[in-house]
Amino acid sequence: MSRSDSERLQDILDAIAHARLADERLRLADVGGDEPGVRIAFQAILHNLFVIGEAVKALSPEILEAAPDVPWNQIAATRDVIGHQYHRIVPGLIHRTVREDLPPLERSVRALMAP
């Protein structure tokens, strides 16, 4: 069964929240010298960025056109790198994405969901 745009937008918001939590856990694990914890948290971040990209790919053209300032193609491309070109992942870019790119995406998604 296909999910609606509103469900997909909620999926994006949920994945943003989970990615942020995983990023916090990664920082704590890194400070504590917990290398396995760092790896697990990083994988959780990647998973949630993948979910965001997958949800974006399934959004209707109307939703995408309603927020032309959002880099939808770059978000989908990030999903493709994580899923198919994982050897090209640069951890520093992933951390920057969580800290700098997810907040404006969250604001845009919330605006799209507003009645």
Protein backbone atom coordinates (compact mmCIF):
# COMPACT_ATOMS: atom_id res chain seq x y z
CA MET A 1 0.00 0.00 0.00
CA SER A 2 1.28 3.42 -0.93
CA ARG A 3 1.88 6.03 1.74
CA SER A 4 0.45 9.53 1.45
CA ASP A 5 2.55 12.68 1.19
CA SER A 6 1.62 13.60 4.75
CA GLU A 7 2.82 10.19 5.98
CA ARG A 8 6.06 10.58 4.01
CA LEU A 9 6.59 14.06 5.43
CA GLN A 10 6.09 12.67 8.93
CA ASP A 11 8.60 9.91 8.10
CA ILE A 12 11.10 12.65 7.24
CA LEU A 13 10.49 14.46 10.52
CA ASP A 14 10.84 11.23 12.49
CA ALA A 15 14.08 10.34 10.70
CA ILE A 16 15.46 13.83 11.34
CA ALA A 17 14.77 13.42 15.07
CA HIS A 18 16.38 9.98 15.09
CA ALA A 19 19.43 11.18 13.16
CA ARG A 20 19.93 14.00 15.66
CA LEU A 21 19.67 11.60 18.58
CA ALA A 22 22.16 9.24 16.95
CA ASP A 23 24.51 12.17 16.34
CA GLU A 24 24.34 13.09 20.04
CA ARG A 25 25.05 9.48 20.97
CA LEU A 26 27.96 9.41 18.55
CA ARG A 27 29.50 12.48 20.19
CA LEU A 28 29.11 10.96 23.65
CA ALA A 29 30.59 7.67 22.50
CA ASP A 30 33.49 9.49 20.85
CA VAL A 31 34.27 11.48 24.00
CA GLY A 32 34.08 8.29 26.04
CA GLY A 33 36.38 6.40 23.70
CA ASP A 34 33.62 3.92 22.86
CA GLU A 35 34.61 2.97 19.30
CA PRO A 36 31.85 0.35 18.85
CA GLY A 37 29.34 2.95 20.09
CA VAL A 38 30.67 5.44 17.55
CA ARG A 39 30.25 2.94 14.72
CA ILE A 40 26.74 1.96 15.77
CA ALA A 41 25.65 5.59 16.11
CA PHE A 42 27.16 6.46 12.72
CA GLN A 43 25.28 3.59 11.11
CA ALA A 44 22.06 4.85 12.73
CA ILE A 45 22.68 8.30 11.25
CA LEU A 46 23.21 6.77 7.80
CA HIS A 47 20.06 4.71 8.11
CA ASN A 48 17.97 7.77 8.95
CA LEU A 49 19.47 9.82 6.12
CA PHE A 50 18.61 6.90 3.83
CA VAL A 51 15.01 6.94 5.12
CA ILE A 52 14.80 10.69 4.47
CA GLY A 53 16.04 10.23 0.92
CA GLU A 54 13.67 7.35 0.29
CA ALA A 55 10.72 9.37 1.57
CA VAL A 56 11.73 12.33 -0.61
CA LYS A 57 11.86 10.11 -3.68
CA ALA A 58 8.26 9.05 -3.03
CA LEU A 59 6.83 12.55 -2.55
CA SER A 60 4.44 13.84 -5.19
CA PRO A 61 5.60 16.45 -7.70
CA GLU A 62 3.12 18.88 -6.15
CA ILE A 63 4.85 18.70 -2.77
CA LEU A 64 8.29 19.06 -4.33
CA GLU A 65 7.16 22.08 -6.34
CA ALA A 66 5.57 23.65 -3.25
CA ALA A 67 9.04 23.97 -1.66
CA PRO A 68 11.43 24.83 -4.50
CA ASP A 69 14.08 26.07 -2.04
CA VAL A 70 14.59 22.56 -0.65
CA PRO A 71 17.41 20.68 -2.44
CA TRP A 72 15.23 17.62 -3.10
CA ASN A 73 17.59 16.21 -5.74
CA GLN A 74 20.59 16.43 -3.41
CA ILE A 75 18.63 14.69 -0.65
CA ALA A 76 17.69 11.87 -3.02
CA ALA A 77 21.29 11.69 -4.27
CA THR A 78 22.55 11.31 -0.69
CA ARG A 79 20.23 8.32 -0.31
CA ASP A 80 21.70 6.82 -3.48
CA VAL A 81 25.27 7.25 -2.23
CA ILE A 82 24.40 5.62 1.09
CA GLY A 83 22.60 2.75 -0.61
CA HIS A 84 24.78 2.13 -3.64
CA GLN A 85 28.09 3.97 -3.29
CA TYR A 86 28.68 3.50 0.43
CA HIS A 87 32.43 3.41 -0.15
CA ARG A 88 32.23 7.13 -1.07
CA ILE A 89 30.70 8.21 2.27
CA VAL A 90 32.70 10.96 3.98
CA PRO A 91 31.97 11.00 7.73
CA GLY A 92 32.64 14.73 8.05
CA LEU A 93 30.03 15.49 5.39
CA ILE A 94 27.52 13.26 7.13
CA HIS A 95 28.03 15.10 10.42
CA ARG A 96 27.71 18.46 8.64
CA THR A 97 24.51 17.26 7.01
CA VAL A 98 22.98 16.40 10.38
CA ARG A 99 24.03 19.63 12.03
CA GLU A 100 23.58 22.13 9.20
CA ASP A 101 21.24 20.69 6.57
CA LEU A 102 18.59 18.92 8.63
CA PRO A 103 17.35 21.99 10.55
CA PRO A 104 16.26 23.91 7.41
CA LEU A 105 14.79 20.71 5.96
CA GLU A 106 12.80 20.23 9.14
CA ARG A 107 11.44 23.80 8.93
CA SER A 108 10.43 23.30 5.30
CA VAL A 109 8.73 19.97 5.99
CA ARG A 110 6.83 21.47 8.92
CA ALA A 111 5.69 24.33 6.69
CA LEU A 112 4.48 21.84 4.06
CA MET A 113 2.51 20.00 6.72
CA ALA A 114 0.88 23.14 8.11
CA PRO A 115 -2.83 23.43 7.30
